[in-house]
Structure formats: structure tokens, C-alpha cells
Amino acid sequence: MATPYTIVTTSFLNKISDAYLITMSDEELGIQLLKFLNSAVPKFKKCKKDLSLRDASGFSKDLTDEEIEILANLMVVEWLRPQVNHLELLKQALNSRDFHMFSQSQHLKELQALRKDARQEISKLLVDYSYNNNSLDDLDDD
């Protein structure tokens, strides 16, 4: 059985609030979500399923809820990356007083904290996933 991308992307969308994504057409949104997902997949290195086995509509394997949750959280980090990078470039372009006046400084700090929290959540999910999927039965192949 396969897992369609929409299962993962819906989980991702439930974790964020983004007015810009809402303004996109369904086609544009699908393309953007696939970009986030394509960036997230290689970061899930310890997945028991081969995530490279996929087509235009989804993964060829049936992903568990835990695997879907990990991918959705990895997508959150990918969604945050351009926002943080944009504000960091803006901060470099403006002197610190100007940057502070536009209250972008606080927004950058909040985004960086959110990214840090997302990464910590992913780390916990990956540890739990590895622990839950590392049974001693796997060693009895001799």
C-alpha cells in the first residue's frame, strides 16, 4: 500500500500558519509543498522505509503515523529556513538601529526560536523512532 503526499503535506499544513501559502492556487501550493517535502526526505536518514521509492503522487510504501509526523516536522524546518534567511539578510543590510525600528529583530528572534524548537522536536521524534524500530528480532537473521 502507498502513502499519498497529501497525507504528509496536510500534517505539515496543520503545524503552520502562513498567509502567503493561503493565497496560492492549488497548483502553486502543491509545487511549493513538494519542494518542502523533497528537502525534508533526505534528512530522514534512519527511516525504515525507502523514501526514494515514490512517484508523482506519493510514496510507494505505507508510512506509519510516526514516519508521517517526522516528515511533516522536517517540512516545518524547511518552511522556516527561507524566512529566517530573509530576515538575517535584511538585518545585515540595515544598521542595528534601523533593523530594530522595523521590529524585524524580534520577529527574527521568534523565528529562530521556532526553528530551534522544531529541530528539538524532530530530534526527539527521531530518537523515539529509532528506539521503537530497533528490536532485537532484527539481530536474529543468522
N, C-alpha and C. Protein backbone atom coordinates (compact mmCIF):
# COMPACT_ATOMS: atom_id res chain seq x y z
N MET A 1 0.84 -1.18 0.00
CA MET A 1 0.00 0.00 0.00
C MET A 1 0.89 1.25 0.00
N ALA A 2 0.41 2.30 -0.58
CA ALA A 2 1.19 3.53 -0.74
C ALA A 2 0.65 4.65 0.16
N THR A 3 1.48 5.65 0.37
CA THR A 3 1.07 6.84 1.13
C THR A 3 1.13 8.04 0.21
N PRO A 4 -0.02 8.65 -0.07
CA PRO A 4 -0.01 9.84 -0.93
C PRO A 4 0.65 11.02 -0.21
N TYR A 5 1.26 11.89 -1.00
CA TYR A 5 1.90 13.08 -0.44
C TYR A 5 0.93 13.92 0.38
N THR A 6 -0.33 13.92 -0.02
CA THR A 6 -1.31 14.78 0.67
C THR A 6 -1.44 14.43 2.15
N ILE A 7 -1.19 13.19 2.51
CA ILE A 7 -1.25 12.80 3.92
C ILE A 7 -0.16 13.56 4.70
N VAL A 8 1.05 13.59 4.14
CA VAL A 8 2.18 14.26 4.79
C VAL A 8 2.00 15.78 4.74
N THR A 9 1.62 16.30 3.59
CA THR A 9 1.51 17.76 3.45
C THR A 9 0.37 18.32 4.29
N THR A 10 -0.71 17.57 4.46
CA THR A 10 -1.80 18.01 5.33
C THR A 10 -1.33 18.09 6.78
N SER A 11 -0.55 17.11 7.20
CA SER A 11 0.02 17.14 8.55
C SER A 11 0.93 18.36 8.72
N PHE A 12 1.73 18.64 7.70
CA PHE A 12 2.59 19.83 7.72
C PHE A 12 1.77 21.09 7.82
N LEU A 13 0.76 21.24 6.98
CA LEU A 13 -0.06 22.46 6.96
C LEU A 13 -0.78 22.69 8.29
N ASN A 14 -1.11 21.61 8.99
CA ASN A 14 -1.75 21.73 10.30
C ASN A 14 -0.80 22.25 11.37
N LYS A 15 0.50 22.28 11.08
CA LYS A 15 1.50 22.72 12.05
C LYS A 15 1.91 24.18 11.87
N ILE A 16 1.51 24.79 10.78
CA ILE A 16 1.97 26.15 10.48
C ILE A 16 0.79 27.09 10.24
N SER A 17 1.12 28.37 10.22
CA SER A 17 0.16 29.40 9.84
C SER A 17 0.90 30.33 8.88
N ASP A 18 0.46 30.35 7.64
CA ASP A 18 1.17 31.13 6.62
C ASP A 18 0.16 31.74 5.66
N ALA A 19 -0.02 33.05 5.79
CA ALA A 19 -0.98 33.76 4.93
C ALA A 19 -0.59 33.69 3.46
N TYR A 20 0.71 33.65 3.19
CA TYR A 20 1.17 33.60 1.81
C TYR A 20 0.77 32.29 1.13
N LEU A 21 0.91 31.18 1.82
CA LEU A 21 0.54 29.89 1.23
C LEU A 21 -0.96 29.84 0.91
N ILE A 22 -1.76 30.50 1.73
CA ILE A 22 -3.21 30.50 1.52
C ILE A 22 -3.58 31.20 0.22
N THR A 23 -2.77 32.20 -0.19
CA THR A 23 -3.09 32.96 -1.40
C THR A 23 -2.72 32.21 -2.68
N MET A 24 -1.98 31.13 -2.56
CA MET A 24 -1.53 30.38 -3.75
C MET A 24 -2.66 29.57 -4.36
N SER A 25 -2.57 29.37 -5.65
CA SER A 25 -3.51 28.46 -6.31
C SER A 25 -3.18 27.04 -5.84
N ASP A 26 -4.10 26.12 -6.06
CA ASP A 26 -3.86 24.73 -5.65
C ASP A 26 -2.61 24.17 -6.32
N GLU A 27 -2.41 24.52 -7.59
CA GLU A 27 -1.23 24.03 -8.31
C GLU A 27 0.06 24.60 -7.73
N GLU A 28 0.07 25.91 -7.49
CA GLU A 28 1.26 26.55 -6.91
C GLU A 28 1.55 26.00 -5.52
N LEU A 29 0.50 25.82 -4.73
CA LEU A 29 0.66 25.29 -3.38
C LEU A 29 1.23 23.87 -3.44
N GLY A 30 0.71 23.06 -4.33
CA GLY A 30 1.21 21.69 -4.48
C GLY A 30 2.69 21.66 -4.83
N ILE A 31 3.10 22.54 -5.72
CA ILE A 31 4.51 22.62 -6.12
C ILE A 31 5.37 23.04 -4.93
N GLN A 32 4.92 24.05 -4.19
CA GLN A 32 5.69 24.53 -3.04
C GLN A 32 5.77 23.47 -1.95
N LEU A 33 4.68 22.78 -1.67
CA LEU A 33 4.68 21.73 -0.66
C LEU A 33 5.61 20.59 -1.06
N LEU A 34 5.63 20.26 -2.34
CA LEU A 34 6.53 19.21 -2.81
C LEU A 34 7.99 19.63 -2.65
N LYS A 35 8.28 20.91 -2.83
CA LYS A 35 9.65 21.40 -2.60
C LYS A 35 10.05 21.20 -1.14
N PHE A 36 9.16 21.56 -0.22
CA PHE A 36 9.45 21.37 1.20
C PHE A 36 9.64 19.88 1.51
N LEU A 37 8.78 19.06 0.95
CA LEU A 37 8.87 17.62 1.19
C LEU A 37 10.15 17.03 0.60
N ASN A 38 10.49 17.44 -0.62
CA ASN A 38 11.72 16.94 -1.24
C ASN A 38 12.97 17.33 -0.46
N SER A 39 12.93 18.47 0.21
CA SER A 39 14.05 18.88 1.05
C SER A 39 14.05 18.13 2.38
N ALA A 40 12.88 17.74 2.84
CA ALA A 40 12.77 17.04 4.13
C ALA A 40 13.18 15.56 4.03
N VAL A 41 12.83 14.92 2.94
CA VAL A 41 13.07 13.47 2.80
C VAL A 41 14.52 13.06 3.07
N PRO A 42 15.52 13.71 2.46
CA PRO A 42 16.89 13.27 2.71
C PRO A 42 17.36 13.44 4.16
N LYS A 43 16.66 14.25 4.91
CA LYS A 43 17.04 14.47 6.30
C LYS A 43 16.51 13.37 7.23
N PHE A 44 15.64 12.51 6.72
CA PHE A 44 15.11 11.38 7.48
C PHE A 44 15.92 10.13 7.11
N LYS A 45 17.17 10.15 7.50
CA LYS A 45 18.13 9.12 7.09
C LYS A 45 17.86 7.74 7.66
N LYS A 46 17.31 7.66 8.85
CA LYS A 46 17.13 6.38 9.54
C LYS A 46 15.75 5.76 9.31
N CYS A 47 15.02 6.28 8.33
CA CYS A 47 13.69 5.73 8.07
C CYS A 47 13.79 4.27 7.65
N LYS A 48 12.92 3.44 8.22
CA LYS A 48 12.90 2.01 7.89
C LYS A 48 12.38 1.77 6.48
N LYS A 49 11.65 2.73 5.94
CA LYS A 49 11.12 2.63 4.58
C LYS A 49 12.06 3.36 3.63
N ASP A 50 12.15 2.89 2.43
CA ASP A 50 12.97 3.57 1.41
C ASP A 50 12.14 4.72 0.83
N LEU A 51 12.40 5.92 1.31
CA LEU A 51 11.63 7.08 0.90
C LEU A 51 11.95 7.53 -0.52
N SER A 52 12.98 6.98 -1.12
CA SER A 52 13.30 7.33 -2.50
C SER A 52 12.35 6.62 -3.48
N LEU A 53 11.64 5.62 -2.99
CA LEU A 53 10.68 4.91 -3.83
C LEU A 53 9.35 5.66 -3.81
N ARG A 54 9.19 6.56 -4.78
CA ARG A 54 8.00 7.39 -4.86
C ARG A 54 7.76 7.81 -6.29
N ASP A 55 6.56 8.28 -6.54
CA ASP A 55 6.22 8.78 -7.86
C ASP A 55 5.60 10.17 -7.72
N ALA A 56 4.91 10.62 -8.73
CA ALA A 56 4.36 11.98 -8.72
C ALA A 56 3.27 12.18 -7.66
N SER A 57 2.64 11.10 -7.21
CA SER A 57 1.53 11.26 -6.27
C SER A 57 1.85 10.85 -4.84
N GLY A 58 2.93 10.09 -4.65
CA GLY A 58 3.21 9.70 -3.27
C GLY A 58 4.32 8.67 -3.13
N PHE A 59 4.47 8.21 -1.90
CA PHE A 59 5.47 7.20 -1.56
C PHE A 59 4.93 5.82 -1.92
N SER A 60 5.80 4.94 -2.36
CA SER A 60 5.33 3.61 -2.75
C SER A 60 5.09 2.71 -1.54
N LYS A 61 5.60 3.10 -0.40
CA LYS A 61 5.41 2.33 0.84
C LYS A 61 4.34 2.98 1.70
N ASP A 62 3.74 2.19 2.56
CA ASP A 62 2.76 2.69 3.51
C ASP A 62 3.52 3.22 4.72
N LEU A 63 3.51 4.53 4.92
CA LEU A 63 4.23 5.14 6.03
C LEU A 63 3.38 5.08 7.30
N THR A 64 4.05 4.89 8.42
CA THR A 64 3.36 4.89 9.70
C THR A 64 3.03 6.33 10.09
N ASP A 65 2.15 6.47 11.07
CA ASP A 65 1.83 7.81 11.58
C ASP A 65 3.09 8.49 12.11
N GLU A 66 3.96 7.72 12.73
CA GLU A 66 5.20 8.27 13.27
C GLU A 66 6.11 8.79 12.16
N GLU A 67 6.22 8.05 11.07
CA GLU A 67 7.04 8.48 9.93
C GLU A 67 6.45 9.73 9.27
N ILE A 68 5.13 9.78 9.17
CA ILE A 68 4.46 10.96 8.62
C ILE A 68 4.71 12.17 9.49
N GLU A 69 4.64 11.99 10.80
CA GLU A 69 4.87 13.08 11.74
C GLU A 69 6.30 13.61 11.63
N ILE A 70 7.26 12.73 11.50
CA ILE A 70 8.66 13.15 11.36
C ILE A 70 8.84 13.94 10.07
N LEU A 71 8.31 13.45 8.97
CA LEU A 71 8.43 14.17 7.69
C LEU A 71 7.75 15.53 7.76
N ALA A 72 6.57 15.60 8.37
CA ALA A 72 5.86 16.88 8.49
C ALA A 72 6.67 17.87 9.32
N ASN A 73 7.29 17.41 10.38
CA ASN A 73 8.12 18.29 11.21
C ASN A 73 9.38 18.73 10.47
N LEU A 74 9.95 17.85 9.69
CA LEU A 74 11.10 18.22 8.87
C LEU A 74 10.69 19.26 7.83
N MET A 75 9.48 19.16 7.33
CA MET A 75 8.97 20.17 6.39
C MET A 75 8.83 21.53 7.07
N VAL A 76 8.47 21.54 8.35
CA VAL A 76 8.35 22.80 9.08
C VAL A 76 9.71 23.52 9.10
N VAL A 77 10.77 22.76 9.35
CA VAL A 77 12.12 23.35 9.35
C VAL A 77 12.45 23.90 7.97
N GLU A 78 12.09 23.18 6.93
CA GLU A 78 12.35 23.65 5.56
C GLU A 78 11.51 24.89 5.24
N TRP A 79 10.31 24.98 5.76
CA TRP A 79 9.46 26.15 5.59
C TRP A 79 10.05 27.36 6.31
N LEU A 80 10.64 27.14 7.47
CA LEU A 80 11.23 28.23 8.25
C LEU A 80 12.53 28.76 7.65
N ARG A 81 13.28 27.89 7.00
CA ARG A 81 14.62 28.26 6.50
C ARG A 81 14.62 29.54 5.66
N PRO A 82 13.79 29.68 4.62
CA PRO A 82 13.86 30.91 3.82
C PRO A 82 13.40 32.15 4.59
N GLN A 83 12.48 31.98 5.53
CA GLN A 83 12.02 33.13 6.31
C GLN A 83 13.14 33.65 7.21
N VAL A 84 13.83 32.75 7.87
CA VAL A 84 14.94 33.15 8.75
C VAL A 84 16.07 33.73 7.91
N ASN A 85 16.38 33.08 6.80
CA ASN A 85 17.46 33.58 5.94
C ASN A 85 17.15 34.98 5.41
N HIS A 86 15.90 35.23 5.03
CA HIS A 86 15.50 36.54 4.52
C HIS A 86 15.71 37.62 5.58
N LEU A 87 15.27 37.34 6.80
CA LEU A 87 15.42 38.34 7.86
C LEU A 87 16.88 38.53 8.27
N GLU A 88 17.67 37.46 8.21
CA GLU A 88 19.09 37.60 8.53
C GLU A 88 19.79 38.47 7.49
N LEU A 89 19.40 38.33 6.22
CA LEU A 89 19.96 39.20 5.16
C LEU A 89 19.51 40.64 5.34
N LEU A 90 18.25 40.82 5.71
CA LEU A 90 17.74 42.17 5.95
C LEU A 90 18.49 42.83 7.11
N LYS A 91 18.75 42.07 8.15
CA LYS A 91 19.48 42.59 9.30
C LYS A 91 20.89 43.03 8.90
N GLN A 92 21.53 42.27 8.02
CA GLN A 92 22.87 42.62 7.56
C GLN A 92 22.84 43.90 6.71
N ALA A 93 21.75 44.10 5.97
CA ALA A 93 21.65 45.25 5.07
C ALA A 93 21.37 46.55 5.84
N LEU A 94 20.68 46.45 6.95
CA LEU A 94 20.34 47.62 7.75
C LEU A 94 21.26 47.72 8.95
N ASN A 95 21.47 48.93 9.43
CA ASN A 95 22.22 49.01 10.69
C ASN A 95 21.31 48.56 11.81
N SER A 96 21.86 48.25 12.95
CA SER A 96 21.08 47.63 14.02
C SER A 96 19.94 48.52 14.51
N ARG A 97 20.12 49.84 14.52
CA ARG A 97 19.06 50.74 14.96
C ARG A 97 17.87 50.68 13.99
N ASP A 98 18.16 50.74 12.70
CA ASP A 98 17.10 50.66 11.70
C ASP A 98 16.38 49.31 11.76
N PHE A 99 17.16 48.28 11.91
CA PHE A 99 16.58 46.94 11.97
C PHE A 99 15.65 46.83 13.17
N HIS A 100 16.08 47.37 14.28
CA HIS A 100 15.27 47.33 15.50
C HIS A 100 14.00 48.16 15.33
N MET A 101 14.08 49.30 14.67
CA MET A 101 12.92 50.16 14.47
C MET A 101 11.82 49.45 13.68
N PHE A 102 12.17 48.62 12.77
CA PHE A 102 11.18 47.91 11.97
C PHE A 102 10.65 46.66 12.68
N SER A 103 11.06 46.45 13.91
CA SER A 103 10.68 45.30 14.75
C SER A 103 10.96 43.96 14.06
N GLN A 104 11.80 44.00 13.05
CA GLN A 104 12.18 42.75 12.40
C GLN A 104 13.10 41.93 13.30
N SER A 105 13.82 42.62 14.16
CA SER A 105 14.74 41.93 15.06
C SER A 105 13.99 40.94 15.94
N GLN A 106 12.89 41.37 16.52
CA GLN A 106 12.11 40.48 17.38
C GLN A 106 11.51 39.34 16.57
N HIS A 107 11.05 39.66 15.38
CA HIS A 107 10.48 38.63 14.51
C HIS A 107 11.54 37.58 14.17
N LEU A 108 12.76 38.01 13.86
CA LEU A 108 13.85 37.09 13.57
C LEU A 108 14.13 36.21 14.78
N LYS A 109 14.18 36.80 15.96
CA LYS A 109 14.43 36.02 17.18
C LYS A 109 13.34 34.96 17.38
N GLU A 110 12.11 35.34 17.12
CA GLU A 110 11.00 34.40 17.28
C GLU A 110 11.09 33.27 16.26
N LEU A 111 11.44 33.61 15.02
CA LEU A 111 11.58 32.57 14.00
C LEU A 111 12.75 31.64 14.33
N GLN A 112 13.84 32.20 14.80
CA GLN A 112 14.99 31.37 15.17
C GLN A 112 14.63 30.45 16.34
N ALA A 113 13.89 30.97 17.31
CA ALA A 113 13.45 30.13 18.43
C ALA A 113 12.50 29.04 17.96
N LEU A 114 11.62 29.39 17.05
CA LEU A 114 10.69 28.40 16.49
C LEU A 114 11.45 27.31 15.74
N ARG A 115 12.45 27.71 14.96
CA ARG A 115 13.26 26.74 14.23
C ARG A 115 14.01 25.84 15.20
N LYS A 116 14.56 26.41 16.26
CA LYS A 116 15.27 25.63 17.27
C LYS A 116 14.33 24.62 17.94
N ASP A 117 13.12 25.08 18.28
CA ASP A 117 12.13 24.19 18.89
C ASP A 117 11.74 23.07 17.93
N ALA A 118 11.58 23.41 16.65
CA ALA A 118 11.22 22.40 15.65
C ALA A 118 12.32 21.36 15.52
N ARG A 119 13.56 21.81 15.52
CA ARG A 119 14.68 20.87 15.43
C ARG A 119 14.76 19.97 16.66
N GLN A 120 14.49 20.52 17.84
CA GLN A 120 14.49 19.70 19.06
C GLN A 120 13.38 18.67 19.01
N GLU A 121 12.22 19.08 18.53
CA GLU A 121 11.10 18.15 18.39
C GLU A 121 11.45 17.02 17.42
N ILE A 122 12.07 17.37 16.31
CA ILE A 122 12.48 16.36 15.33
C ILE A 122 13.50 15.41 15.95
N SER A 123 14.46 15.94 16.68
CA SER A 123 15.46 15.09 17.32
C SER A 123 14.80 14.09 18.25
N LYS A 124 13.84 14.55 19.04
CA LYS A 124 13.12 13.65 19.94
C LYS A 124 12.34 12.60 19.15
N LEU A 125 11.65 13.04 18.11
CA LEU A 125 10.89 12.09 17.29
C LEU A 125 11.80 11.04 16.66
N LEU A 126 12.98 11.47 16.18
CA LEU A 126 13.91 10.54 15.55
C LEU A 126 14.48 9.55 16.55
N VAL A 127 14.78 10.01 17.76
CA VAL A 127 15.28 9.10 18.80
C VAL A 127 14.21 8.08 19.15
N ASP A 128 12.99 8.56 19.37
CA ASP A 128 11.89 7.64 19.67
C ASP A 128 11.66 6.66 18.54
N TYR A 129 11.71 7.15 17.30
CA TYR A 129 11.51 6.30 16.14
C TYR A 129 12.59 5.22 16.07
N SER A 130 13.83 5.61 16.25
CA SER A 130 14.94 4.66 16.21
C SER A 130 14.79 3.63 17.32
N TYR A 131 14.44 4.08 18.49
CA TYR A 131 14.27 3.17 19.63
C TYR A 131 13.12 2.20 19.37
N ASN A 132 11.99 2.71 18.91
CA ASN A 132 10.81 1.88 18.68
C ASN A 132 10.99 0.90 17.53
N ASN A 133 11.89 1.20 16.60
CA ASN A 133 12.06 0.34 15.42
C ASN A 133 13.37 -0.44 15.44
N ASN A 134 14.00 -0.52 16.57
CA ASN A 134 15.27 -1.23 16.69
C ASN A 134 15.10 -2.42 17.61
N SER A 135 14.32 -3.40 17.20
CA SER A 135 14.07 -4.55 18.05
C SER A 135 15.19 -5.57 17.93
N LEU A 136 15.28 -6.41 18.93
CA LEU A 136 16.30 -7.45 18.92
C LEU A 136 16.00 -8.50 17.86
N ASP A 137 14.75 -8.57 17.40
CA ASP A 137 14.39 -9.51 16.34
C ASP A 137 15.20 -9.24 15.07
N ASP A 138 15.59 -8.00 14.86
CA ASP A 138 16.38 -7.64 13.68
C ASP A 138 17.76 -8.30 13.69
N LEU A 139 18.21 -8.69 14.87
CA LEU A 139 19.55 -9.29 15.00
C LEU A 139 19.54 -10.78 14.79
N ASP A 140 18.36 -11.41 14.74
CA ASP A 140 18.25 -12.87 14.64
C ASP A 140 18.25 -13.37 13.21
N ASP A 141 18.95 -12.69 12.29
CA ASP A 141 18.97 -13.09 10.90
C ASP A 141 20.02 -14.14 10.59
N ASP A 142 20.83 -14.56 11.58
CA ASP A 142 21.91 -15.53 11.35
C ASP A 142 21.40 -16.91 11.11
